[in-house]
């Protein structure tokens, strides 16, 4: 009986969450139509480019820091796959004596 009550409560909670969350996905009512002048578009574009360049520097430094570890991990993964494949192929070959 207790388990049935938990199940009903769980289903009710999921349905209530879905009812509240699904309308939140539709942002067509909340969109604002903004008309920018040529000058304003250039300013926004310049700001965007500056931020992207700043972010690129940070991401590049993170990649540089992690490069050796990522290469080692990739090589280990490739070697593991090849060893498994080799073992599978060797099992297919009959042993000759």
N, C-alpha and C. Protein backbone atom coordinates (compact mmCIF):
# COMPACT_ATOMS: atom_id res chain seq x y z
N UNK A 1 0.83 -1.19 0.00
CA UNK A 1 0.00 0.00 0.00
C UNK A 1 0.87 1.25 0.00
N UNK A 2 1.93 1.24 0.83
CA UNK A 2 2.82 2.38 0.92
C UNK A 2 3.54 2.60 -0.40
N UNK A 3 3.92 1.50 -1.04
CA UNK A 3 4.62 1.59 -2.33
C UNK A 3 3.70 2.17 -3.40
N UNK A 4 2.42 1.81 -3.36
CA UNK A 4 1.45 2.32 -4.32
C UNK A 4 1.28 3.83 -4.15
N UNK A 5 1.24 4.29 -2.91
CA UNK A 5 1.11 5.73 -2.64
C UNK A 5 2.32 6.49 -3.17
N UNK A 6 3.52 5.92 -2.99
CA UNK A 6 4.73 6.57 -3.51
C UNK A 6 4.69 6.63 -5.03
N UNK A 7 4.22 5.56 -5.63
CA UNK A 7 4.12 5.51 -7.08
C UNK A 7 3.15 6.57 -7.59
N UNK A 8 2.02 6.70 -6.95
CA UNK A 8 1.03 7.70 -7.35
C UNK A 8 1.59 9.10 -7.15
N UNK A 9 2.27 9.32 -6.04
CA UNK A 9 2.87 10.63 -5.78
C UNK A 9 3.94 10.95 -6.82
N UNK A 10 4.74 9.95 -7.18
CA UNK A 10 5.78 10.16 -8.19
C UNK A 10 5.17 10.51 -9.54
N UNK A 11 4.15 9.78 -9.93
CA UNK A 11 3.49 10.06 -11.20
C UNK A 11 2.86 11.45 -11.18
N UNK A 12 2.20 11.80 -10.09
CA UNK A 12 1.60 13.13 -9.97
C UNK A 12 2.67 14.21 -10.07
N UNK A 13 3.79 14.01 -9.40
CA UNK A 13 4.87 15.00 -9.45
C UNK A 13 5.40 15.16 -10.86
N UNK A 14 5.62 14.04 -11.57
CA UNK A 14 6.13 14.11 -12.94
C UNK A 14 5.15 14.81 -13.87
N UNK A 15 3.86 14.52 -13.72
CA UNK A 15 2.85 15.17 -14.56
C UNK A 15 2.81 16.66 -14.26
N UNK A 16 2.84 17.02 -12.99
CA UNK A 16 2.82 18.44 -12.61
C UNK A 16 4.06 19.16 -13.14
N UNK A 17 5.21 18.53 -13.04
CA UNK A 17 6.44 19.14 -13.55
C UNK A 17 6.36 19.32 -15.06
N UNK A 18 5.84 18.32 -15.75
CA UNK A 18 5.71 18.43 -17.21
C UNK A 18 4.75 19.54 -17.60
N UNK A 19 3.64 19.65 -16.88
CA UNK A 19 2.66 20.70 -17.18
C UNK A 19 3.28 22.08 -16.99
N UNK A 20 4.14 22.22 -16.01
CA UNK A 20 4.76 23.53 -15.77
C UNK A 20 5.94 23.80 -16.69
N UNK A 21 6.69 22.77 -17.06
CA UNK A 21 7.91 22.98 -17.83
C UNK A 21 7.68 23.07 -19.33
N UNK A 22 6.75 22.33 -19.89
CA UNK A 22 6.56 22.35 -21.34
C UNK A 22 6.20 23.73 -21.88
N UNK A 23 5.31 24.48 -21.25
CA UNK A 23 5.04 25.82 -21.78
C UNK A 23 6.26 26.75 -21.69
N UNK A 24 7.17 26.46 -20.80
CA UNK A 24 8.37 27.30 -20.67
C UNK A 24 9.28 27.17 -21.88
N UNK A 25 9.14 26.11 -22.65
CA UNK A 25 9.99 25.92 -23.82
C UNK A 25 9.61 26.83 -24.98
N UNK A 26 8.39 27.31 -25.01
CA UNK A 26 7.93 28.16 -26.11
C UNK A 26 8.24 29.61 -25.78
N UNK A 27 9.24 30.16 -26.46
CA UNK A 27 9.62 31.54 -26.18
C UNK A 27 9.13 32.50 -27.26
N UNK A 28 8.22 32.06 -28.12
CA UNK A 28 7.77 32.92 -29.21
C UNK A 28 7.06 34.17 -28.68
N UNK A 29 6.39 34.06 -27.53
CA UNK A 29 5.72 35.23 -26.96
C UNK A 29 6.71 36.21 -26.35
N UNK A 30 7.85 35.70 -25.91
CA UNK A 30 8.81 36.53 -25.20
C UNK A 30 9.86 37.17 -26.10
N UNK A 31 9.83 36.84 -27.38
CA UNK A 31 10.82 37.41 -28.29
C UNK A 31 10.57 38.89 -28.49
N UNK A 32 11.63 39.63 -28.54
CA UNK A 32 11.54 41.06 -28.76
C UNK A 32 12.10 41.38 -30.13
N UNK A 33 11.38 42.12 -30.88
CA UNK A 33 11.85 42.53 -32.19
C UNK A 33 12.60 43.85 -32.04
N UNK A 34 13.90 43.80 -32.21
CA UNK A 34 14.74 44.99 -32.07
C UNK A 34 15.34 45.29 -33.43
N UNK A 35 15.15 46.49 -33.88
CA UNK A 35 15.75 46.93 -35.13
C UNK A 35 16.98 47.75 -34.79
N UNK A 36 18.14 47.26 -35.21
CA UNK A 36 19.38 47.97 -34.95
C UNK A 36 19.80 48.74 -36.18
N UNK A 37 20.36 49.89 -35.92
CA UNK A 37 20.90 50.67 -37.03
C UNK A 37 22.22 50.05 -37.47
N UNK A 38 22.73 50.51 -38.58
CA UNK A 38 24.00 50.01 -39.10
C UNK A 38 25.11 50.21 -38.07
N UNK A 39 25.15 51.37 -37.45
CA UNK A 39 26.18 51.69 -36.45
C UNK A 39 26.05 50.77 -35.24
N UNK A 40 24.83 50.54 -34.79
CA UNK A 40 24.62 49.67 -33.63
C UNK A 40 25.02 48.23 -33.95
N UNK A 41 24.71 47.77 -35.15
CA UNK A 41 25.12 46.41 -35.55
C UNK A 41 26.64 46.29 -35.57
N UNK A 42 27.31 47.31 -36.04
CA UNK A 42 28.78 47.28 -36.05
C UNK A 42 29.34 47.22 -34.63
N UNK A 43 28.74 47.99 -33.72
CA UNK A 43 29.18 47.99 -32.32
C UNK A 43 28.99 46.60 -31.71
N UNK A 44 27.80 46.03 -31.91
CA UNK A 44 27.52 44.70 -31.37
C UNK A 44 28.48 43.67 -31.96
N UNK A 45 28.71 43.76 -33.26
CA UNK A 45 29.63 42.84 -33.93
C UNK A 45 31.04 42.97 -33.38
N UNK A 46 31.49 44.18 -33.15
CA UNK A 46 32.83 44.41 -32.61
C UNK A 46 32.95 43.82 -31.20
N UNK A 47 31.94 44.05 -30.37
CA UNK A 47 31.95 43.51 -29.01
C UNK A 47 31.98 41.98 -29.07
N UNK A 48 31.17 41.40 -29.95
CA UNK A 48 31.14 39.95 -30.09
C UNK A 48 32.51 39.40 -30.49
N UNK A 49 33.11 40.01 -31.49
CA UNK A 49 34.43 39.55 -31.96
C UNK A 49 35.47 39.64 -30.85
N UNK A 50 35.45 40.75 -30.09
CA UNK A 50 36.40 40.91 -28.99
C UNK A 50 36.23 39.80 -27.95
N UNK A 51 34.97 39.50 -27.60
CA UNK A 51 34.71 38.45 -26.59
C UNK A 51 35.14 37.08 -27.10
N UNK A 52 34.89 36.82 -28.38
CA UNK A 52 35.28 35.53 -28.96
C UNK A 52 36.80 35.39 -28.93
N UNK A 53 37.52 36.45 -29.24
CA UNK A 53 38.98 36.39 -29.21
C UNK A 53 39.49 36.16 -27.79
N UNK A 54 38.88 36.82 -26.82
CA UNK A 54 39.27 36.61 -25.42
C UNK A 54 39.02 35.16 -25.02
N UNK A 55 37.86 34.65 -25.40
CA UNK A 55 37.51 33.28 -25.06
C UNK A 55 38.43 32.29 -25.77
N UNK A 56 38.78 32.58 -27.00
CA UNK A 56 39.67 31.69 -27.76
C UNK A 56 41.02 31.56 -27.07
N UNK A 57 41.53 32.65 -26.53
CA UNK A 57 42.81 32.60 -25.81
C UNK A 57 42.72 31.69 -24.59
N UNK A 58 41.62 31.81 -23.86
CA UNK A 58 41.44 30.97 -22.67
C UNK A 58 41.31 29.51 -23.07
N UNK A 59 40.49 29.23 -24.09
CA UNK A 59 40.30 27.85 -24.53
C UNK A 59 41.59 27.26 -25.07
N UNK A 60 42.36 28.06 -25.80
CA UNK A 60 43.63 27.57 -26.32
C UNK A 60 44.58 27.21 -25.19
N UNK A 61 44.60 28.03 -24.14
CA UNK A 61 45.50 27.73 -23.02
C UNK A 61 45.05 26.46 -22.29
N UNK A 62 43.74 26.25 -22.20
CA UNK A 62 43.23 25.03 -21.58
C UNK A 62 43.62 23.82 -22.42
N UNK A 63 43.49 23.95 -23.75
CA UNK A 63 43.88 22.85 -24.64
C UNK A 63 45.37 22.56 -24.52
N UNK A 64 46.18 23.61 -24.45
CA UNK A 64 47.62 23.41 -24.31
C UNK A 64 47.95 22.67 -23.02
N UNK A 65 47.25 23.02 -21.95
CA UNK A 65 47.49 22.36 -20.66
C UNK A 65 47.13 20.88 -20.70
N UNK A 66 46.04 20.56 -21.39
CA UNK A 66 45.52 19.19 -21.39
C UNK A 66 46.00 18.36 -22.57
N UNK A 67 46.76 18.93 -23.48
CA UNK A 67 47.12 18.25 -24.72
C UNK A 67 47.83 16.92 -24.47
N UNK A 68 48.89 16.93 -23.67
CA UNK A 68 49.66 15.70 -23.44
C UNK A 68 48.79 14.59 -22.85
N UNK A 69 47.96 14.97 -21.88
CA UNK A 69 47.08 13.99 -21.25
C UNK A 69 46.07 13.43 -22.25
N UNK A 70 45.52 14.29 -23.09
CA UNK A 70 44.54 13.84 -24.08
C UNK A 70 45.18 12.93 -25.13
N UNK A 71 46.39 13.26 -25.55
CA UNK A 71 47.09 12.41 -26.53
C UNK A 71 47.38 11.05 -25.92
N UNK A 72 47.86 11.04 -24.69
CA UNK A 72 48.16 9.77 -24.02
C UNK A 72 46.90 8.92 -23.87
N UNK A 73 45.82 9.55 -23.48
CA UNK A 73 44.55 8.84 -23.33
C UNK A 73 44.07 8.28 -24.66
N UNK A 74 44.21 9.06 -25.71
CA UNK A 74 43.79 8.61 -27.05
C UNK A 74 44.63 7.43 -27.52
N UNK A 75 45.93 7.53 -27.31
CA UNK A 75 46.83 6.44 -27.72
C UNK A 75 46.50 5.17 -26.94
N UNK A 76 46.30 5.31 -25.63
CA UNK A 76 45.94 4.14 -24.81
C UNK A 76 44.64 3.50 -25.31
N UNK A 77 43.69 4.33 -25.66
CA UNK A 77 42.41 3.83 -26.15
C UNK A 77 42.58 3.09 -27.47
N UNK A 78 43.35 3.65 -28.37
CA UNK A 78 43.60 3.01 -29.67
C UNK A 78 44.32 1.69 -29.48
N UNK A 79 45.34 1.69 -28.63
CA UNK A 79 46.09 0.45 -28.38
C UNK A 79 45.20 -0.63 -27.77
N UNK A 80 44.35 -0.24 -26.85
CA UNK A 80 43.44 -1.20 -26.23
C UNK A 80 42.52 -1.81 -27.28
N UNK A 81 41.98 -0.97 -28.15
CA UNK A 81 41.10 -1.48 -29.20
C UNK A 81 41.85 -2.44 -30.12
N UNK A 82 43.05 -2.09 -30.49
CA UNK A 82 43.84 -2.93 -31.40
C UNK A 82 44.19 -4.27 -30.74
N UNK A 83 44.51 -4.25 -29.46
CA UNK A 83 44.84 -5.50 -28.76
C UNK A 83 43.63 -6.42 -28.69
N UNK A 84 42.47 -5.84 -28.43
CA UNK A 84 41.25 -6.64 -28.40
C UNK A 84 40.98 -7.23 -29.78
N UNK A 85 41.15 -6.42 -30.81
CA UNK A 85 40.95 -6.90 -32.18
C UNK A 85 41.96 -8.00 -32.53
N UNK A 86 43.21 -7.80 -32.14
CA UNK A 86 44.24 -8.81 -32.40
C UNK A 86 43.90 -10.13 -31.70
N UNK A 87 43.49 -10.03 -30.46
CA UNK A 87 43.13 -11.23 -29.70
C UNK A 87 41.96 -11.96 -30.36
N UNK A 88 40.98 -11.21 -30.81
CA UNK A 88 39.83 -11.80 -31.49
C UNK A 88 40.26 -12.53 -32.76
N UNK A 89 41.14 -11.89 -33.53
CA UNK A 89 41.62 -12.50 -34.77
C UNK A 89 42.48 -13.73 -34.51
N UNK A 90 43.30 -13.69 -33.46
CA UNK A 90 44.16 -14.84 -33.13
C UNK A 90 43.32 -16.05 -32.71
N UNK A 91 42.19 -15.80 -32.07
CA UNK A 91 41.33 -16.91 -31.66
C UNK A 91 40.72 -17.61 -32.86
N UNK A 92 40.60 -16.91 -33.96
CA UNK A 92 40.03 -17.51 -35.17
C UNK A 92 41.02 -18.43 -35.88
N UNK A 93 42.31 -18.19 -35.67
CA UNK A 93 43.35 -18.97 -36.34
C UNK A 93 43.55 -20.28 -35.57
N UNK A 94 43.43 -21.42 -36.25
CA UNK A 94 43.64 -22.69 -35.55
C UNK A 94 45.13 -22.87 -35.21
N UNK A 95 45.38 -23.44 -34.06
CA UNK A 95 46.76 -23.68 -33.63
C UNK A 95 47.27 -24.92 -34.34
N UNK A 96 48.40 -24.79 -35.02
CA UNK A 96 48.98 -25.91 -35.75
C UNK A 96 50.15 -26.48 -34.96
N UNK A 97 50.20 -27.81 -34.83
CA UNK A 97 51.28 -28.44 -34.09
C UNK A 97 51.93 -29.48 -34.91
